[in-house]
């Protein structure tokens, strides 16, 4: 597991998620630990290196 920090697209606070480098391509919804709004997280690994990370807001 790898801890990755990013900025919440809703409240602009810096938060972190734990990501599993054994799964090369992932997409899931994570709630912000500060404002509790949903965030669409998409990421991709090449071997064990994180090569793409996107966190976008989900309109409610």
PDB file of N, CA and C in Angstrom:
ATOM      1  N   UNK A   1       0.838  -1.184   0.000  1.00  0.00           N
ATOM      2  CA  UNK A   1       0.000   0.000   0.000  1.00  0.00           C
ATOM      3  C   UNK A   1       0.881   1.246   0.000  1.00  0.00           C
ATOM      4  N   UNK A   2       0.380   2.243  -0.685  1.00  0.00           N
ATOM      5  CA  UNK A   2       1.103   3.495  -0.835  1.00  0.00           C
ATOM      6  C   UNK A   2       0.166   4.634  -0.436  1.00  0.00           C
ATOM      7  N   UNK A   3       0.650   5.567   0.379  1.00  0.00           N
ATOM      8  CA  UNK A   3      -0.154   6.733   0.743  1.00  0.00           C
ATOM      9  C   UNK A   3       0.109   7.832  -0.280  1.00  0.00           C
ATOM     10  N   UNK A   4      -0.978   8.360  -0.841  1.00  0.00           N
ATOM     11  CA  UNK A   4      -0.861   9.408  -1.854  1.00  0.00           C
ATOM     12  C   UNK A   4      -1.660  10.630  -1.393  1.00  0.00           C
ATOM     13  N   UNK A   5      -1.039  11.801  -1.433  1.00  0.00           N
ATOM     14  CA  UNK A   5      -1.686  13.050  -1.032  1.00  0.00           C
ATOM     15  C   UNK A   5      -2.170  13.803  -2.260  1.00  0.00           C
ATOM     16  N   UNK A   6      -3.344  14.427  -2.129  1.00  0.00           N
ATOM     17  CA  UNK A   6      -3.891  15.238  -3.208  1.00  0.00           C
ATOM     18  C   UNK A   6      -4.815  16.288  -2.616  1.00  0.00           C
ATOM     19  N   UNK A   7      -5.255  17.224  -3.452  1.00  0.00           N
ATOM     20  CA  UNK A   7      -6.140  18.297  -3.016  1.00  0.00           C
ATOM     21  C   UNK A   7      -7.577  17.944  -3.361  1.00  0.00           C
ATOM     22  N   UNK A   8      -8.462  18.063  -2.384  1.00  0.00           N
ATOM     23  CA  UNK A   8      -9.885  17.789  -2.604  1.00  0.00           C
ATOM     24  C   UNK A   8     -10.440  18.803  -3.607  1.00  0.00           C
ATOM     25  N   UNK A   9     -11.140  18.339  -4.636  1.00  0.00           N
ATOM     26  CA  UNK A   9     -11.702  19.269  -5.624  1.00  0.00           C
ATOM     27  C   UNK A   9     -12.921  20.040  -5.113  1.00  0.00           C
ATOM     28  N   UNK A  10     -13.396  19.712  -3.918  1.00  0.00           N
ATOM     29  CA  UNK A  10     -14.544  20.415  -3.328  1.00  0.00           C
ATOM     30  C   UNK A  10     -14.093  21.506  -2.345  1.00  0.00           C
ATOM     31  N   UNK A  11     -13.299  21.114  -1.349  1.00  0.00           N
ATOM     32  CA  UNK A  11     -12.941  22.055  -0.275  1.00  0.00           C
ATOM     33  C   UNK A  11     -11.492  22.535  -0.346  1.00  0.00           C
ATOM     34  N   UNK A  12     -10.718  21.996  -1.262  1.00  0.00           N
ATOM     35  CA  UNK A  12      -9.324  22.374  -1.514  1.00  0.00           C
ATOM     36  C   UNK A  12      -8.371  22.045  -0.375  1.00  0.00           C
ATOM     37  N   UNK A  13      -8.792  21.174   0.548  1.00  0.00           N
ATOM     38  CA  UNK A  13      -7.898  20.720   1.609  1.00  0.00           C
ATOM     39  C   UNK A  13      -7.005  19.602   1.083  1.00  0.00           C
ATOM     40  N   UNK A  14      -5.841  19.480   1.635  1.00  0.00           N
ATOM     41  CA  UNK A  14      -4.923  18.397   1.255  1.00  0.00           C
ATOM     42  C   UNK A  14      -5.313  17.157   2.059  1.00  0.00           C
ATOM     43  N   UNK A  15      -5.608  16.072   1.353  1.00  0.00           N
ATOM     44  CA  UNK A  15      -6.000  14.822   2.001  1.00  0.00           C
ATOM     45  C   UNK A  15      -5.173  13.677   1.419  1.00  0.00           C
ATOM     46  N   UNK A  16      -5.335  12.501   1.991  1.00  0.00           N
ATOM     47  CA  UNK A  16      -4.573  11.354   1.505  1.00  0.00           C
ATOM     48  C   UNK A  16      -5.480  10.145   1.328  1.00  0.00           C
ATOM     49  N   UNK A  17      -5.032   9.246   0.468  1.00  0.00           N
ATOM     50  CA  UNK A  17      -5.687   7.947   0.282  1.00  0.00           C
ATOM     51  C   UNK A  17      -4.604   6.881   0.262  1.00  0.00           C
ATOM     52  N   UNK A  18      -4.980   5.676   0.649  1.00  0.00           N
ATOM     53  CA  UNK A  18      -4.085   4.538   0.515  1.00  0.00           C
ATOM     54  C   UNK A  18      -4.422   3.835  -0.785  1.00  0.00           C
ATOM     55  N   UNK A  19      -3.428   3.628  -1.635  1.00  0.00           N
ATOM     56  CA  UNK A  19      -3.647   2.976  -2.920  1.00  0.00           C
ATOM     57  C   UNK A  19      -2.831   1.693  -2.978  1.00  0.00           C
ATOM     58  N   UNK A  20      -3.383   0.719  -3.683  1.00  0.00           N
ATOM     59  CA  UNK A  20      -2.776  -0.604  -3.808  1.00  0.00           C
ATOM     60  C   UNK A  20      -2.039  -0.692  -5.139  1.00  0.00           C
ATOM     61  N   UNK A  21      -0.724  -0.742  -5.096  1.00  0.00           N
ATOM     62  CA  UNK A  21       0.082  -0.757  -6.320  1.00  0.00           C
ATOM     63  C   UNK A  21       0.037  -2.099  -7.047  1.00  0.00           C
ATOM     64  N   UNK A  22      -0.580  -3.116  -6.467  1.00  0.00           N
ATOM     65  CA  UNK A  22      -0.658  -4.420  -7.139  1.00  0.00           C
ATOM     66  C   UNK A  22      -1.770  -4.452  -8.192  1.00  0.00           C
ATOM     67  N   UNK A  23      -2.632  -3.428  -8.206  1.00  0.00           N
ATOM     68  CA  UNK A  23      -3.705  -3.318  -9.205  1.00  0.00           C
ATOM     69  C   UNK A  23      -3.320  -2.179 -10.147  1.00  0.00           C
ATOM     70  N   UNK A  24      -3.053  -2.503 -11.417  1.00  0.00           N
ATOM     71  CA  UNK A  24      -2.458  -1.506 -12.313  1.00  0.00           C
ATOM     72  C   UNK A  24      -3.380  -0.348 -12.674  1.00  0.00           C
ATOM     73  N   UNK A  25      -4.673  -0.582 -12.813  1.00  0.00           N
ATOM     74  CA  UNK A  25      -5.610   0.476 -13.184  1.00  0.00           C
ATOM     75  C   UNK A  25      -6.802   0.428 -12.231  1.00  0.00           C
ATOM     76  N   UNK A  26      -7.126   1.585 -11.626  1.00  0.00           N
ATOM     77  CA  UNK A  26      -8.192   1.626 -10.629  1.00  0.00           C
ATOM     78  C   UNK A  26      -9.059   2.866 -10.824  1.00  0.00           C
ATOM     79  N   UNK A  27     -10.320   2.730 -10.466  1.00  0.00           N
ATOM     80  CA  UNK A  27     -11.249   3.856 -10.467  1.00  0.00           C
ATOM     81  C   UNK A  27     -12.298   3.584  -9.398  1.00  0.00           C
ATOM     82  N   UNK A  28     -12.492   4.530  -8.506  1.00  0.00           N
ATOM     83  CA  UNK A  28     -13.448   4.344  -7.421  1.00  0.00           C
ATOM     84  C   UNK A  28     -13.860   5.695  -6.851  1.00  0.00           C
ATOM     85  N   UNK A  29     -14.862   5.675  -5.990  1.00  0.00           N
ATOM     86  CA  UNK A  29     -15.346   6.890  -5.331  1.00  0.00           C
ATOM     87  C   UNK A  29     -14.907   6.858  -3.875  1.00  0.00           C
ATOM     88  N   UNK A  30     -14.321   7.965  -3.453  1.00  0.00           N
ATOM     89  CA  UNK A  30     -13.817   8.121  -2.088  1.00  0.00           C
ATOM     90  C   UNK A  30     -14.415   9.406  -1.527  1.00  0.00           C
ATOM     91  N   UNK A  31     -14.887   9.384  -0.291  1.00  0.00           N
ATOM     92  CA  UNK A  31     -15.392  10.598   0.340  1.00  0.00           C
ATOM     93  C   UNK A  31     -14.225  11.382   0.938  1.00  0.00           C
ATOM     94  N   UNK A  32     -14.270  12.695   0.779  1.00  0.00           N
ATOM     95  CA  UNK A  32     -13.249  13.560   1.371  1.00  0.00           C
ATOM     96  C   UNK A  32     -13.309  13.420   2.887  1.00  0.00           C
ATOM     97  N   UNK A  33     -12.156  13.272   3.511  1.00  0.00           N
ATOM     98  CA  UNK A  33     -12.125  13.123   4.965  1.00  0.00           C
ATOM     99  C   UNK A  33     -12.374  14.445   5.694  1.00  0.00           C
ATOM    100  N   UNK A  34     -12.378  15.563   4.980  1.00  0.00           N
ATOM    101  CA  UNK A  34     -12.631  16.875   5.591  1.00  0.00           C
ATOM    102  C   UNK A  34     -14.079  17.312   5.368  1.00  0.00           C
ATOM    103  N   UNK A  35     -14.513  17.386   4.101  1.00  0.00           N
ATOM    104  CA  UNK A  35     -15.853  17.914   3.798  1.00  0.00           C
ATOM    105  C   UNK A  35     -16.898  16.831   3.501  1.00  0.00           C
ATOM    106  N   UNK A  36     -16.459  15.579   3.401  1.00  0.00           N
ATOM    107  CA  UNK A  36     -17.338  14.411   3.186  1.00  0.00           C
ATOM    108  C   UNK A  36     -18.000  14.355   1.807  1.00  0.00           C
ATOM    109  N   UNK A  37     -17.612  15.199   0.878  1.00  0.00           N
ATOM    110  CA  UNK A  37     -18.158  15.134  -0.473  1.00  0.00           C
ATOM    111  C   UNK A  37     -17.483  14.010  -1.264  1.00  0.00           C
ATOM    112  N   UNK A  38     -18.203  13.409  -2.212  1.00  0.00           N
ATOM    113  CA  UNK A  38     -17.634  12.302  -2.980  1.00  0.00           C
ATOM    114  C   UNK A  38     -16.647  12.782  -4.044  1.00  0.00           C
ATOM    115  N   UNK A  39     -15.589  12.005  -4.210  1.00  0.00           N
ATOM    116  CA  UNK A  39     -14.538  12.306  -5.174  1.00  0.00           C
ATOM    117  C   UNK A  39     -14.331  11.073  -6.046  1.00  0.00           C
ATOM    118  N   UNK A  40     -14.310  11.268  -7.352  1.00  0.00           N
ATOM    119  CA  UNK A  40     -13.990  10.179  -8.282  1.00  0.00           C
ATOM    120  C   UNK A  40     -12.470  10.105  -8.378  1.00  0.00           C
ATOM    121  N   UNK A  41     -11.910   8.990  -7.948  1.00  0.00           N
ATOM    122  CA  UNK A  41     -10.469   8.777  -7.970  1.00  0.00           C
ATOM    123  C   UNK A  41     -10.146   7.777  -9.075  1.00  0.00           C
ATOM    124  N   UNK A  42      -9.227   8.160  -9.955  1.00  0.00           N
ATOM    125  CA  UNK A  42      -8.753   7.271 -11.016  1.00  0.00           C
ATOM    126  C   UNK A  42      -7.231   7.297 -10.990  1.00  0.00           C
ATOM    127  N   UNK A  43      -6.626   6.114 -11.044  1.00  0.00           N
ATOM    128  CA  UNK A  43      -5.175   6.056 -10.990  1.00  0.00           C
ATOM    129  C   UNK A  43      -4.653   4.883 -11.788  1.00  0.00           C
ATOM    130  N   UNK A  44      -3.372   4.983 -12.119  1.00  0.00           N
ATOM    131  CA  UNK A  44      -2.745   3.924 -12.899  1.00  0.00           C
ATOM    132  C   UNK A  44      -1.301   3.750 -12.453  1.00  0.00           C
ATOM    133  N   UNK A  45      -0.903   2.493 -12.332  1.00  0.00           N
ATOM    134  CA  UNK A  45       0.466   2.145 -11.980  1.00  0.00           C
ATOM    135  C   UNK A  45       1.140   1.480 -13.163  1.00  0.00           C
ATOM    136  N   UNK A  46       2.426   1.682 -13.286  1.00  0.00           N
ATOM    137  CA  UNK A  46       3.263   0.933 -14.213  1.00  0.00           C
ATOM    138  C   UNK A  46       4.292   0.244 -13.329  1.00  0.00           C
ATOM    139  N   UNK A  47       4.214  -1.087 -13.284  1.00  0.00           N
ATOM    140  CA  UNK A  47       4.948  -1.876 -12.285  1.00  0.00           C
ATOM    141  C   UNK A  47       4.444  -1.408 -10.915  1.00  0.00           C
ATOM    142  N   UNK A  48       5.248  -0.800 -10.104  1.00  0.00           N
ATOM    143  CA  UNK A  48       4.771  -0.282  -8.821  1.00  0.00           C
ATOM    144  C   UNK A  48       4.858   1.237  -8.750  1.00  0.00           C
ATOM    145  N   UNK A  49       5.104   1.883  -9.885  1.00  0.00           N
ATOM    146  CA  UNK A  49       5.224   3.340  -9.933  1.00  0.00           C
ATOM    147  C   UNK A  49       3.891   3.970 -10.334  1.00  0.00           C
ATOM    148  N   UNK A  50       3.428   4.914  -9.535  1.00  0.00           N
ATOM    149  CA  UNK A  50       2.195   5.639  -9.838  1.00  0.00           C
ATOM    150  C   UNK A  50       2.467   6.590 -10.997  1.00  0.00           C
ATOM    151  N   UNK A  51       1.809   6.357 -12.141  1.00  0.00           N
ATOM    152  CA  UNK A  51       2.075   7.188 -13.321  1.00  0.00           C
ATOM    153  C   UNK A  51       0.930   8.142 -13.644  1.00  0.00           C
ATOM    154  N   UNK A  52      -0.251   7.915 -13.083  1.00  0.00           N
ATOM    155  CA  UNK A  52      -1.381   8.821 -13.326  1.00  0.00           C
ATOM    156  C   UNK A  52      -2.304   8.807 -12.114  1.00  0.00           C
ATOM    157  N   UNK A  53      -2.713   9.987 -11.657  1.00  0.00           N
ATOM    158  CA  UNK A  53      -3.654  10.108 -10.543  1.00  0.00           C
ATOM    159  C   UNK A  53      -4.563  11.287 -10.833  1.00  0.00           C
ATOM    160  N   UNK A  54      -5.875  11.040 -10.801  1.00  0.00           N
ATOM    161  CA  UNK A  54      -6.853  12.106 -10.999  1.00  0.00           C
ATOM    162  C   UNK A  54      -7.908  12.017  -9.910  1.00  0.00           C
ATOM    163  N   UNK A  55      -8.246  13.150  -9.354  1.00  0.00           N
ATOM    164  CA  UNK A  55      -9.302  13.260  -8.362  1.00  0.00           C
ATOM    165  C   UNK A  55     -10.257  14.356  -8.827  1.00  0.00           C
ATOM    166  N   UNK A  56     -11.479  13.984  -9.166  1.00  0.00           N
ATOM    167  CA  UNK A  56     -12.447  14.944  -9.699  1.00  0.00           C
ATOM    168  C   UNK A  56     -13.712  14.938  -8.847  1.00  0.00           C
ATOM    169  N   UNK A  57     -14.376  16.076  -8.830  1.00  0.00           N
ATOM    170  CA  UNK A  57     -15.599  16.184  -8.051  1.00  0.00           C
ATOM    171  C   UNK A  57     -16.749  15.446  -8.739  1.00  0.00           C
ATOM    172  N   UNK A  58     -17.667  14.980  -7.930  1.00  0.00           N
ATOM    173  CA  UNK A  58     -18.886  14.342  -8.422  1.00  0.00           C
ATOM    174  C   UNK A  58     -20.029  15.271  -8.030  1.00  0.00           C
ATOM    175  N   UNK A  59     -20.758  15.727  -9.018  1.00  0.00           N
ATOM    176  CA  UNK A  59     -21.877  16.628  -8.734  1.00  0.00           C
ATOM    177  C   UNK A  59     -23.020  15.834  -8.100  1.00  0.00           C
ATOM    178  N   UNK A  60     -23.592  16.398  -7.067  1.00  0.00           N
ATOM    179  CA  UNK A  60     -24.685  15.722  -6.354  1.00  0.00           C
ATOM    180  C   UNK A  60     -26.016  16.288  -6.776  1.00  0.00           C
TER     181      UNK A  60
END
